[in-house]
Amino acid sequence: MEIGKYYYVVVNNENRMFMEEVVVYGDNHTERSVTTTLETERAELFDTYKHAKELADTYGFKVKKIRSDILGLGSR
């Protein structure tokens, strides 16, 4: 994550961010589940609005733009 760079995150109605799809393999079985988090470091970050929007539309979420920064190094 670059300091000062803008990213897009996909959030649900409770402002929980999309993490990633977890795929579990075992005995010819595949499961997919959507997980969400409140921690920016664990959320899936997108460089472009287009990719974030595609995922958001798939799950009925919305897109938010965030800026990564470190307190004391330019944050306000």
N, C-alpha and C. Protein backbone atom coordinates (compact mmCIF):
# COMPACT_ATOMS: atom_id res chain seq x y z
N MET A 1 0.85 -1.16 0.00
CA MET A 1 0.00 0.00 0.00
C MET A 1 0.91 1.24 0.00
N GLU A 2 0.77 2.08 -1.00
CA GLU A 2 1.59 3.29 -1.10
C GLU A 2 0.98 4.42 -0.29
N ILE A 3 1.83 5.17 0.39
CA ILE A 3 1.37 6.32 1.16
C ILE A 3 0.89 7.41 0.22
N GLY A 4 -0.28 7.96 0.50
CA GLY A 4 -0.83 9.04 -0.30
C GLY A 4 -1.58 8.60 -1.54
N LYS A 5 -1.61 7.31 -1.82
CA LYS A 5 -2.29 6.82 -3.02
C LYS A 5 -3.77 6.58 -2.73
N TYR A 6 -4.59 6.82 -3.72
CA TYR A 6 -6.03 6.55 -3.59
C TYR A 6 -6.33 5.15 -4.08
N TYR A 7 -7.17 4.45 -3.33
CA TYR A 7 -7.62 3.12 -3.68
C TYR A 7 -9.14 3.09 -3.60
N TYR A 8 -9.72 2.05 -4.15
CA TYR A 8 -11.16 1.84 -4.06
C TYR A 8 -11.40 0.57 -3.25
N VAL A 9 -12.40 0.61 -2.38
CA VAL A 9 -12.81 -0.57 -1.63
C VAL A 9 -14.29 -0.80 -1.89
N VAL A 10 -14.69 -2.05 -1.76
CA VAL A 10 -16.08 -2.44 -1.97
C VAL A 10 -16.68 -2.67 -0.59
N VAL A 11 -17.78 -1.96 -0.29
CA VAL A 11 -18.38 -2.04 1.05
C VAL A 11 -19.85 -2.42 0.96
N ASN A 12 -20.33 -3.05 2.05
CA ASN A 12 -21.75 -3.38 2.12
C ASN A 12 -22.47 -2.26 2.87
N ASN A 13 -23.74 -2.48 3.19
CA ASN A 13 -24.55 -1.44 3.83
C ASN A 13 -24.08 -1.09 5.24
N GLU A 14 -23.32 -1.96 5.86
CA GLU A 14 -22.81 -1.70 7.21
C GLU A 14 -21.40 -1.13 7.18
N ASN A 15 -20.94 -0.71 6.00
CA ASN A 15 -19.59 -0.18 5.79
C ASN A 15 -18.49 -1.18 6.11
N ARG A 16 -18.82 -2.46 6.00
CA ARG A 16 -17.80 -3.49 6.12
C ARG A 16 -17.22 -3.72 4.74
N MET A 17 -15.91 -3.81 4.64
CA MET A 17 -15.22 -3.92 3.36
C MET A 17 -15.07 -5.37 2.91
N PHE A 18 -15.19 -5.58 1.62
CA PHE A 18 -15.02 -6.89 1.01
C PHE A 18 -13.57 -7.32 1.20
N MET A 19 -13.38 -8.54 1.67
CA MET A 19 -12.03 -9.03 1.88
C MET A 19 -11.56 -9.79 0.64
N GLU A 20 -12.04 -10.93 0.44
CA GLU A 20 -11.72 -11.73 -0.73
C GLU A 20 -12.58 -12.98 -0.69
N GLU A 21 -12.67 -13.64 -1.81
CA GLU A 21 -13.41 -14.89 -1.84
C GLU A 21 -12.49 -15.98 -1.34
N VAL A 22 -12.97 -16.78 -0.43
CA VAL A 22 -12.18 -17.88 0.10
C VAL A 22 -12.62 -19.15 -0.62
N VAL A 23 -11.67 -19.82 -1.24
CA VAL A 23 -11.98 -21.06 -1.95
C VAL A 23 -11.36 -22.21 -1.17
N VAL A 24 -12.20 -23.17 -0.81
CA VAL A 24 -11.74 -24.33 -0.03
C VAL A 24 -11.83 -25.56 -0.93
N TYR A 25 -10.74 -26.28 -1.07
CA TYR A 25 -10.71 -27.50 -1.88
C TYR A 25 -10.61 -28.71 -0.97
N GLY A 26 -11.30 -29.72 -1.30
CA GLY A 26 -11.20 -30.97 -0.56
C GLY A 26 -12.12 -32.00 -1.15
N ASP A 27 -11.61 -33.19 -1.37
CA ASP A 27 -12.41 -34.30 -1.91
C ASP A 27 -13.31 -33.86 -3.06
N ASN A 28 -12.73 -33.21 -4.05
CA ASN A 28 -13.46 -32.75 -5.23
C ASN A 28 -14.60 -31.80 -4.89
N HIS A 29 -14.41 -31.00 -3.86
CA HIS A 29 -15.44 -30.07 -3.40
C HIS A 29 -14.85 -28.66 -3.36
N THR A 30 -15.58 -27.72 -3.91
CA THR A 30 -15.14 -26.32 -3.89
C THR A 30 -16.25 -25.47 -3.27
N GLU A 31 -15.87 -24.61 -2.33
CA GLU A 31 -16.81 -23.69 -1.71
C GLU A 31 -16.31 -22.28 -1.86
N ARG A 32 -17.22 -21.37 -2.10
CA ARG A 32 -16.86 -19.96 -2.16
C ARG A 32 -17.71 -19.20 -1.16
N SER A 33 -17.07 -18.28 -0.47
CA SER A 33 -17.81 -17.45 0.47
C SER A 33 -17.25 -16.04 0.44
N VAL A 34 -18.11 -15.09 0.67
CA VAL A 34 -17.72 -13.69 0.71
C VAL A 34 -17.49 -13.31 2.16
N THR A 35 -16.35 -12.70 2.43
CA THR A 35 -16.05 -12.25 3.78
C THR A 35 -15.89 -10.74 3.78
N THR A 36 -16.20 -10.14 4.90
CA THR A 36 -16.03 -8.70 5.03
C THR A 36 -15.22 -8.40 6.28
N THR A 37 -14.64 -7.21 6.33
CA THR A 37 -13.81 -6.81 7.44
C THR A 37 -13.95 -5.32 7.70
N LEU A 38 -13.60 -4.89 8.89
CA LEU A 38 -13.54 -3.47 9.21
C LEU A 38 -12.10 -2.95 9.11
N GLU A 39 -11.15 -3.85 8.89
CA GLU A 39 -9.73 -3.49 8.83
C GLU A 39 -9.29 -3.23 7.40
N THR A 40 -8.84 -2.02 7.14
CA THR A 40 -8.42 -1.63 5.79
C THR A 40 -7.27 -2.50 5.28
N GLU A 41 -6.37 -2.90 6.17
CA GLU A 41 -5.22 -3.70 5.76
C GLU A 41 -5.63 -5.06 5.21
N ARG A 42 -6.76 -5.57 5.64
CA ARG A 42 -7.20 -6.89 5.21
C ARG A 42 -8.17 -6.83 4.02
N ALA A 43 -8.71 -5.66 3.76
CA ALA A 43 -9.68 -5.50 2.68
C ALA A 43 -8.99 -5.61 1.33
N GLU A 44 -9.74 -6.03 0.34
CA GLU A 44 -9.21 -6.07 -1.02
C GLU A 44 -9.22 -4.65 -1.58
N LEU A 45 -8.06 -4.18 -2.02
CA LEU A 45 -7.92 -2.83 -2.57
C LEU A 45 -7.85 -2.90 -4.08
N PHE A 46 -8.52 -1.98 -4.73
CA PHE A 46 -8.54 -1.93 -6.19
C PHE A 46 -7.88 -0.63 -6.65
N ASP A 47 -7.08 -0.73 -7.70
CA ASP A 47 -6.43 0.45 -8.27
C ASP A 47 -7.37 1.24 -9.17
N THR A 48 -8.34 0.55 -9.75
CA THR A 48 -9.25 1.23 -10.67
C THR A 48 -10.70 1.10 -10.19
N TYR A 49 -11.46 2.14 -10.46
CA TYR A 49 -12.88 2.15 -10.10
C TYR A 49 -13.62 1.04 -10.85
N LYS A 50 -13.23 0.82 -12.10
CA LYS A 50 -13.92 -0.16 -12.94
C LYS A 50 -13.92 -1.55 -12.31
N HIS A 51 -12.77 -2.02 -11.86
CA HIS A 51 -12.70 -3.36 -11.25
C HIS A 51 -13.48 -3.43 -9.94
N ALA A 52 -13.39 -2.38 -9.14
CA ALA A 52 -14.15 -2.35 -7.89
C ALA A 52 -15.65 -2.36 -8.17
N LYS A 53 -16.08 -1.59 -9.16
CA LYS A 53 -17.50 -1.49 -9.51
C LYS A 53 -18.05 -2.83 -10.00
N GLU A 54 -17.26 -3.56 -10.78
CA GLU A 54 -17.70 -4.87 -11.27
C GLU A 54 -17.98 -5.82 -10.11
N LEU A 55 -17.09 -5.84 -9.14
CA LEU A 55 -17.29 -6.70 -7.98
C LEU A 55 -18.46 -6.22 -7.13
N ALA A 56 -18.55 -4.92 -6.93
CA ALA A 56 -19.65 -4.35 -6.14
C ALA A 56 -21.00 -4.70 -6.76
N ASP A 57 -21.11 -4.59 -8.06
CA ASP A 57 -22.37 -4.91 -8.75
C ASP A 57 -22.72 -6.39 -8.59
N THR A 58 -21.72 -7.24 -8.58
CA THR A 58 -21.95 -8.68 -8.44
C THR A 58 -22.63 -9.02 -7.11
N TYR A 59 -22.21 -8.34 -6.04
CA TYR A 59 -22.70 -8.67 -4.71
C TYR A 59 -23.66 -7.64 -4.13
N GLY A 60 -24.01 -6.62 -4.88
CA GLY A 60 -24.93 -5.61 -4.38
C GLY A 60 -24.29 -4.67 -3.38
N PHE A 61 -22.98 -4.51 -3.47
CA PHE A 61 -22.25 -3.61 -2.58
C PHE A 61 -22.06 -2.27 -3.28
N LYS A 62 -21.38 -1.33 -2.63
CA LYS A 62 -21.06 -0.05 -3.26
C LYS A 62 -19.55 0.20 -3.15
N VAL A 63 -19.07 1.17 -3.90
CA VAL A 63 -17.64 1.46 -3.97
C VAL A 63 -17.34 2.75 -3.22
N LYS A 64 -16.26 2.73 -2.44
CA LYS A 64 -15.78 3.93 -1.77
C LYS A 64 -14.32 4.15 -2.13
N LYS A 65 -13.95 5.41 -2.23
CA LYS A 65 -12.57 5.77 -2.53
C LYS A 65 -11.88 6.11 -1.20
N ILE A 66 -10.70 5.53 -0.97
CA ILE A 66 -9.96 5.80 0.26
C ILE A 66 -8.55 6.24 -0.09
N ARG A 67 -7.91 6.95 0.82
CA ARG A 67 -6.52 7.35 0.63
C ARG A 67 -5.70 6.72 1.74
N SER A 68 -4.61 6.07 1.37
CA SER A 68 -3.75 5.48 2.38
C SER A 68 -2.77 6.53 2.87
N ASP A 69 -2.61 6.62 4.16
CA ASP A 69 -1.73 7.59 4.76
C ASP A 69 -1.31 7.09 6.13
N ILE A 70 -0.28 7.68 6.66
CA ILE A 70 0.18 7.34 8.00
C ILE A 70 0.14 8.60 8.82
N LEU A 71 -0.48 8.56 9.98
CA LEU A 71 -0.55 9.74 10.83
C LEU A 71 0.85 10.30 11.06
N GLY A 72 0.97 11.60 10.91
CA GLY A 72 2.26 12.24 11.11
C GLY A 72 3.06 12.39 9.83
N LEU A 73 2.63 11.72 8.77
CA LEU A 73 3.32 11.83 7.48
C LEU A 73 2.40 12.38 6.41
N GLY A 74 1.64 13.39 6.77
CA GLY A 74 0.78 14.02 5.79
C GLY A 74 -0.71 13.93 6.07
N SER A 75 -1.10 13.15 7.07
CA SER A 75 -2.52 13.04 7.38
C SER A 75 -3.02 14.34 8.01
N ARG A 76 -4.30 14.58 7.81
CA ARG A 76 -4.91 15.78 8.37
C ARG A 76 -5.93 15.41 9.40
